[in-house]
């Protein structure tokens, strides 16, 4: 029992350190990409934290098998370097028993990976898509940045020069409405206003962009017969997205994939089941590959071990 606790602690501590580093690198890369999209006005910065949390299970299902594999290699490699495993073998611990001891924490890691791949990751992907779709289907004044043309759905592009002091009213607003594909009208609309603000109808829940003191131009590119309308106040309805968010394949539940006959769904289902099964397989490989000659160093075997792991993942 003492040896079991000692070996398990060494493996899990090393695995945690490796997983923390890998998670920091992957989440940092994804955060930079999302922050760039937020800077361009695709969605507000306030939802960045939620998006990263939704992606966390997807990161963990890939990181945990690799970090556990490296944890065994580094922990047992250090024990071989210090001749501790040699002493254990001399005291009666066989390689088979060492493998059985290692498979116990491997079972816990496999359960965690299965929980992520079969449930948490699809739920996170679905929530991510729902959050982004909600932001794409509506215009939020906080998303718009002065001095920049920004698309806010429905073939519309907006440009503002500045906000007022409390950030509730836009100054010098320009909105261009491009006809959608397949629409009957081919005319585009350009609306210019001195100021504008967002308003919600309390009865219907519809939201409008109220533009004041401006004009609206209707016509087709290359033609001179434009219709010009001047107005003191004009309400531009902000169209909502489609009712219900279209479920992405990555966000489909495992049960729905099991009921589907599509080859794509079957492939995705097999991928989800393969992730937890990788853990005991890499455990068998890591215990054997962790044995090193003290004269070679603990990192000598990492390169061939990683090549074996990558070949296993791509099978």
Protein backbone atom coordinates (compact mmCIF):
# COMPACT_ATOMS: atom_id res chain seq x y z
CA UNK A 1 0.00 0.00 0.00
CA UNK A 2 2.87 2.36 0.79
CA UNK A 3 4.48 1.66 -2.60
CA UNK A 4 1.12 2.11 -4.33
CA UNK A 5 0.60 5.54 -2.77
CA UNK A 6 4.18 6.55 -3.53
CA UNK A 7 4.10 5.50 -7.19
CA UNK A 8 0.63 6.93 -7.74
CA UNK A 9 1.62 10.26 -6.20
CA UNK A 10 4.74 10.53 -8.35
CA UNK A 11 2.84 9.77 -11.55
CA UNK A 12 -0.12 12.05 -10.82
CA UNK A 13 2.07 14.97 -9.70
CA UNK A 14 4.15 14.74 -12.86
CA UNK A 15 1.00 14.36 -14.97
CA UNK A 16 -0.54 17.44 -13.33
CA UNK A 17 2.55 19.53 -14.07
CA UNK A 18 2.64 18.43 -17.72
CA UNK A 19 -1.13 18.91 -18.13
CA UNK A 20 -0.93 22.40 -16.62
CA UNK A 21 1.77 23.46 -19.08
CA UNK A 22 -0.03 22.00 -22.09
CA UNK A 23 -3.34 23.50 -21.00
CA UNK A 24 -1.74 26.92 -20.56
CA UNK A 25 -0.26 26.80 -24.06
CA UNK A 26 -3.46 25.59 -25.78
CA UNK A 27 -5.80 27.92 -23.92
CA UNK A 28 -3.44 30.84 -24.47
CA UNK A 29 -3.48 30.20 -28.21
CA UNK A 30 -7.28 29.94 -28.30
CA UNK A 31 -7.68 33.03 -26.10
CA UNK A 32 -5.51 35.09 -28.46
CA UNK A 33 -7.65 34.01 -31.42
CA UNK A 34 -10.89 34.84 -29.63
CA UNK A 35 -9.49 38.14 -28.38
CA UNK A 36 -8.61 39.06 -31.97
CA UNK A 37 -12.18 38.28 -33.05
CA UNK A 38 -13.54 40.38 -30.17
CA UNK A 39 -11.26 43.26 -31.15
CA UNK A 40 -12.74 43.15 -34.65
CA UNK A 41 -16.24 43.44 -33.15
CA UNK A 42 -17.47 39.89 -33.84
CA UNK A 43 -18.64 39.55 -30.22
CA UNK A 44 -18.20 41.48 -26.95
CA UNK A 45 -15.18 40.89 -24.74
CA UNK A 46 -17.46 40.05 -21.82
CA UNK A 47 -18.18 36.53 -23.17
CA UNK A 48 -14.52 35.54 -23.57
CA UNK A 49 -14.45 33.87 -20.15
CA UNK A 50 -17.55 31.80 -20.95
CA UNK A 51 -16.14 30.67 -24.29
CA UNK A 52 -12.90 29.50 -22.67
CA UNK A 53 -14.81 27.54 -20.01
CA UNK A 54 -16.95 25.86 -22.70
CA UNK A 55 -13.78 24.78 -24.54
CA UNK A 56 -12.05 23.43 -21.42
CA UNK A 57 -13.46 19.83 -21.63
CA UNK A 58 -12.40 19.61 -25.27
CA UNK A 59 -8.87 20.58 -24.27
CA UNK A 60 -8.79 18.16 -21.34
CA UNK A 61 -9.89 15.12 -23.35
CA UNK A 62 -6.81 15.56 -25.56
CA UNK A 63 -4.37 16.68 -22.89
CA UNK A 64 -5.03 14.07 -20.19
CA UNK A 65 -3.96 10.95 -22.18
CA UNK A 66 -0.78 12.65 -23.37
CA UNK A 67 0.06 14.13 -19.98
CA UNK A 68 -0.52 10.76 -18.25
CA UNK A 69 1.73 9.09 -20.82
CA UNK A 70 4.47 11.65 -20.22
CA UNK A 71 3.86 11.52 -16.47
CA UNK A 72 4.65 7.79 -16.38
CA UNK A 73 7.71 8.23 -18.58
CA UNK A 74 9.15 11.07 -16.49
CA UNK A 75 8.21 9.71 -13.05
CA UNK A 76 9.32 6.14 -13.62
CA UNK A 77 12.33 7.34 -15.58
CA UNK A 78 13.45 9.31 -12.54
CA UNK A 79 12.86 6.27 -10.32
CA UNK A 80 15.00 4.16 -12.64
CA UNK A 81 17.68 6.86 -12.57
CA UNK A 82 17.69 6.77 -8.76
CA UNK A 83 17.63 2.93 -8.80
CA UNK A 84 14.44 3.00 -6.72
CA UNK A 85 12.58 0.61 -9.00
CA UNK A 86 15.63 -1.66 -8.96
CA UNK A 87 15.35 -1.81 -5.18
CA UNK A 88 11.60 -2.47 -5.44
CA UNK A 89 12.21 -5.37 -7.84
CA UNK A 90 14.86 -6.75 -5.48
CA UNK A 91 12.28 -6.61 -2.67
CA UNK A 92 9.79 -8.68 -4.66
CA UNK A 93 7.86 -6.23 -6.88
CA UNK A 94 7.51 -7.83 -10.30
CA UNK A 95 7.01 -5.83 -13.53
CA UNK A 96 3.46 -7.25 -13.67
CA UNK A 97 2.66 -5.85 -10.24
CA UNK A 98 4.14 -2.49 -11.23
CA UNK A 99 1.83 -2.49 -14.24
CA UNK A 100 -1.20 -3.33 -12.09
CA UNK A 101 -0.36 -0.50 -9.70
CA UNK A 102 -0.11 1.92 -12.64
CA UNK A 103 -3.40 0.78 -14.18
CA UNK A 104 -5.36 1.91 -11.12
CA UNK A 105 -4.72 5.67 -11.61
CA UNK A 106 -4.99 5.03 -15.36
CA UNK A 107 -8.57 3.88 -14.78
CA UNK A 108 -9.38 7.15 -13.01
CA UNK A 109 -7.85 9.17 -15.86
CA UNK A 110 -9.76 7.10 -18.43
CA UNK A 111 -13.04 7.81 -16.62
CA UNK A 112 -12.29 11.54 -16.64
CA UNK A 113 -11.43 11.47 -20.34
CA UNK A 114 -14.61 9.50 -21.09
CA UNK A 115 -16.68 11.98 -19.09
CA UNK A 116 -15.23 14.82 -21.17
CA UNK A 117 -15.45 13.16 -24.59
CA UNK A 118 -18.91 11.63 -24.21
CA UNK A 119 -20.72 14.39 -22.34
CA UNK A 120 -18.90 17.59 -21.35
CA UNK A 121 -17.20 18.34 -24.68
CA UNK A 122 -20.40 18.03 -26.80
CA UNK A 123 -22.29 20.12 -24.25
CA UNK A 124 -19.53 22.75 -24.30
CA UNK A 125 -19.46 22.83 -28.10
CA UNK A 126 -23.22 23.29 -28.20
CA UNK A 127 -23.09 26.12 -25.66
CA UNK A 128 -20.25 27.78 -27.57
CA UNK A 129 -22.21 27.69 -30.82
CA UNK A 130 -25.34 28.96 -29.09
CA UNK A 131 -23.45 31.85 -27.50
CA UNK A 132 -21.75 32.89 -30.74
CA UNK A 133 -24.98 32.52 -32.73
CA UNK A 134 -26.78 34.73 -30.25
CA UNK A 135 -24.14 37.40 -30.65
CA UNK A 136 -24.22 37.12 -34.44
CA UNK A 137 -28.02 37.43 -34.54
CA UNK A 138 -28.22 40.71 -32.69
CA UNK A 139 -26.51 44.06 -32.66
CA UNK A 140 -25.19 45.21 -29.33
CA UNK A 141 -24.01 48.80 -29.15
CA UNK A 142 -21.15 47.68 -26.92
CA UNK A 143 -19.78 45.56 -29.79
CA UNK A 144 -19.38 48.49 -32.19
CA UNK A 145 -16.05 50.27 -32.22
CA UNK A 146 -15.68 53.87 -33.46
CA UNK A 147 -13.93 54.37 -36.77
CA UNK A 148 -14.45 50.82 -38.04
CA UNK A 149 -16.82 49.15 -40.51
CA UNK A 150 -18.43 46.17 -38.80
CA UNK A 151 -20.84 43.52 -40.00
CA UNK A 152 -23.76 42.77 -37.67
CA UNK A 153 -25.72 40.21 -39.68
CA UNK A 154 -28.48 40.36 -42.26
CA UNK A 155 -26.13 41.81 -44.89
CA UNK A 156 -25.71 45.00 -42.84
CA UNK A 157 -22.53 46.93 -42.18
CA UNK A 158 -22.35 49.77 -39.66
CA UNK A 159 -19.89 52.59 -39.11
CA UNK A 160 -19.86 55.11 -36.27
CA UNK A 161 -17.46 57.91 -35.46
CA UNK A 162 -17.84 57.98 -31.69
CA UNK A 163 -20.09 57.46 -28.63
CA UNK A 164 -21.46 60.04 -26.27
CA UNK A 165 -20.06 60.40 -22.75
CA UNK A 166 -22.12 57.57 -21.21
CA UNK A 167 -21.78 55.25 -24.22
CA UNK A 168 -25.51 54.95 -24.91
CA UNK A 169 -25.73 57.05 -28.08
CA UNK A 170 -23.74 56.75 -31.29
CA UNK A 171 -22.51 59.77 -33.22
CA UNK A 172 -22.42 60.06 -37.04
CA UNK A 173 -23.88 56.68 -37.95
CA UNK A 174 -23.69 55.04 -41.37
CA UNK A 175 -25.51 51.77 -42.13
CA UNK A 176 -25.24 49.90 -45.42
CA UNK A 177 -27.79 47.15 -46.19
CA UNK A 178 -26.78 44.73 -48.92
CA UNK A 179 -29.56 42.66 -50.58
CA UNK A 180 -29.42 39.03 -49.48
CA UNK A 181 -28.82 36.21 -51.97
CA UNK A 182 -32.09 35.14 -53.59
CA UNK A 183 -33.95 38.28 -52.55
CA UNK A 184 -36.44 39.85 -54.97
CA UNK A 185 -35.04 43.36 -54.56
CA UNK A 186 -31.52 43.97 -55.80
CA UNK A 187 -31.32 47.51 -54.44
CA UNK A 188 -29.01 48.35 -51.58
CA UNK A 189 -29.76 50.88 -48.85
CA UNK A 190 -27.45 53.42 -47.29
CA UNK A 191 -28.70 55.17 -44.18
CA UNK A 192 -26.83 58.12 -42.71
CA UNK A 193 -27.74 59.79 -39.43
CA UNK A 194 -26.28 62.32 -37.04
CA UNK A 195 -26.89 60.08 -34.04
CA UNK A 196 -28.46 56.79 -33.10
CA UNK A 197 -29.35 54.57 -30.17
CA UNK A 198 -30.81 51.15 -29.50
CA UNK A 199 -34.39 50.69 -28.27
CA UNK A 200 -36.49 47.63 -27.37
CA UNK A 201 -40.24 47.46 -27.87
CA UNK A 202 -41.69 46.39 -24.54
CA UNK A 203 -44.78 44.84 -26.14
CA UNK A 204 -43.19 42.69 -28.87
CA UNK A 205 -39.63 42.41 -27.61
CA UNK A 206 -38.34 43.56 -31.01
CA UNK A 207 -35.25 45.72 -30.99
CA UNK A 208 -34.70 48.76 -33.17
CA UNK A 209 -31.80 50.98 -34.03
CA UNK A 210 -33.27 54.49 -33.81
CA UNK A 211 -31.47 56.90 -36.14
CA UNK A 212 -32.02 60.66 -35.92
CA UNK A 213 -31.49 63.57 -38.32
CA UNK A 214 -30.33 61.84 -41.46
CA UNK A 215 -31.23 60.43 -44.84
CA UNK A 216 -31.83 57.08 -46.52
CA UNK A 217 -30.64 56.27 -50.04
CA UNK A 218 -32.08 53.39 -52.09
CA UNK A 219 -30.70 52.24 -55.42
CA UNK A 220 -28.59 49.80 -57.42
CA UNK A 221 -24.88 50.18 -58.07
CA UNK A 222 -24.16 51.75 -61.46
CA UNK A 223 -27.59 53.38 -61.77
CA UNK A 224 -28.61 56.99 -61.22
CA UNK A 225 -32.26 56.54 -60.18
CA UNK A 226 -31.68 56.65 -56.42
CA UNK A 227 -34.52 57.35 -54.03
CA UNK A 228 -33.54 59.76 -51.26
CA UNK A 229 -35.55 60.20 -48.09
CA UNK A 230 -34.71 62.66 -45.33
CA UNK A 231 -35.94 61.92 -41.83
CA UNK A 232 -35.84 63.26 -38.32
CA UNK A 233 -36.16 59.79 -36.77
CA UNK A 234 -36.00 56.39 -38.44
CA UNK A 235 -36.35 52.97 -36.78
CA UNK A 236 -34.21 50.22 -38.29
CA UNK A 237 -35.40 46.85 -37.05
CA UNK A 238 -32.64 44.56 -35.91
CA UNK A 239 -33.61 41.13 -37.20
CA UNK A 240 -33.13 38.19 -34.88
CA UNK A 241 -31.50 34.94 -35.82
CA UNK A 242 -33.30 31.80 -36.79
CA UNK A 243 -35.54 30.25 -34.15
CA UNK A 244 -33.35 27.78 -32.33
CA UNK A 245 -29.66 27.34 -32.83
CA UNK A 246 -28.59 24.91 -35.48
CA UNK A 247 -26.85 22.08 -33.70
CA UNK A 248 -23.35 21.50 -34.88
CA UNK A 249 -22.04 17.99 -35.32
CA UNK A 250 -19.50 18.54 -32.55
CA UNK A 251 -22.31 19.51 -30.21
CA UNK A 252 -24.48 16.48 -30.98
CA UNK A 253 -25.10 14.30 -27.95
CA UNK A 254 -23.51 10.86 -27.79
CA UNK A 255 -26.94 9.24 -27.61
CA UNK A 256 -28.10 10.97 -30.80
CA UNK A 257 -24.93 9.81 -32.57
CA UNK A 258 -25.64 6.23 -31.49
CA UNK A 259 -29.10 6.47 -33.04
CA UNK A 260 -27.81 7.92 -36.32
CA UNK A 261 -26.92 5.90 -39.41
CA UNK A 262 -24.82 8.63 -41.07
CA UNK A 263 -21.20 7.66 -41.63
CA UNK A 264 -20.01 11.04 -40.35
CA UNK A 265 -21.90 10.56 -37.08
CA UNK A 266 -20.55 7.03 -36.71
CA UNK A 267 -17.00 8.28 -37.22
CA UNK A 268 -17.49 10.99 -34.60
CA UNK A 269 -18.98 8.45 -32.18
CA UNK A 270 -16.00 6.12 -32.64
CA UNK A 271 -13.63 9.01 -32.02
CA UNK A 272 -15.35 9.84 -28.75
CA UNK A 273 -15.17 6.24 -27.54
CA UNK A 274 -11.54 5.89 -28.61
CA UNK A 275 -10.26 8.70 -26.37
CA UNK A 276 -10.80 6.94 -23.00
CA UNK A 277 -9.59 3.65 -24.50
CA UNK A 278 -6.28 5.28 -25.38
CA UNK A 279 -5.38 5.71 -21.70
CA UNK A 280 -4.88 2.02 -20.76
CA UNK A 281 -3.11 1.40 -24.07
CA UNK A 282 -0.59 4.20 -23.54
CA UNK A 283 -0.16 3.01 -19.95
CA UNK A 284 1.03 -0.39 -21.19
CA UNK A 285 3.46 1.33 -23.55
CA UNK A 286 4.68 3.92 -21.04
CA UNK A 287 5.50 1.42 -18.29
CA UNK A 288 7.68 -0.52 -20.70
CA UNK A 289 9.26 2.51 -22.36
CA UNK A 290 10.03 4.21 -19.05
CA UNK A 291 12.82 1.76 -18.28
CA UNK A 292 16.12 3.56 -18.94
CA UNK A 293 19.78 3.06 -18.33
CA UNK A 294 20.99 5.49 -15.60
CA UNK A 295 23.92 6.42 -17.85
CA UNK A 296 21.59 7.58 -20.64
CA UNK A 297 19.57 10.13 -18.66
CA UNK A 298 15.83 10.35 -17.98
CA UNK A 299 15.03 12.25 -21.20
CA UNK A 300 16.82 9.91 -23.60
CA UNK A 301 13.73 7.79 -24.21
CA UNK A 302 11.22 10.65 -24.62
CA UNK A 303 11.71 11.16 -28.37
CA UNK A 304 11.11 7.53 -29.43
CA UNK A 305 8.26 7.31 -26.91
CA UNK A 306 6.57 10.38 -28.40
CA UNK A 307 6.96 8.93 -31.90
CA UNK A 308 5.22 5.76 -30.71
CA UNK A 309 2.43 7.82 -29.12
CA UNK A 310 1.88 9.91 -32.26
CA UNK A 311 1.78 6.80 -34.45
CA UNK A 312 -0.79 5.29 -32.09
CA UNK A 313 -3.01 8.41 -32.21
CA UNK A 314 -2.99 8.45 -36.03
CA UNK A 315 -3.86 4.79 -36.46
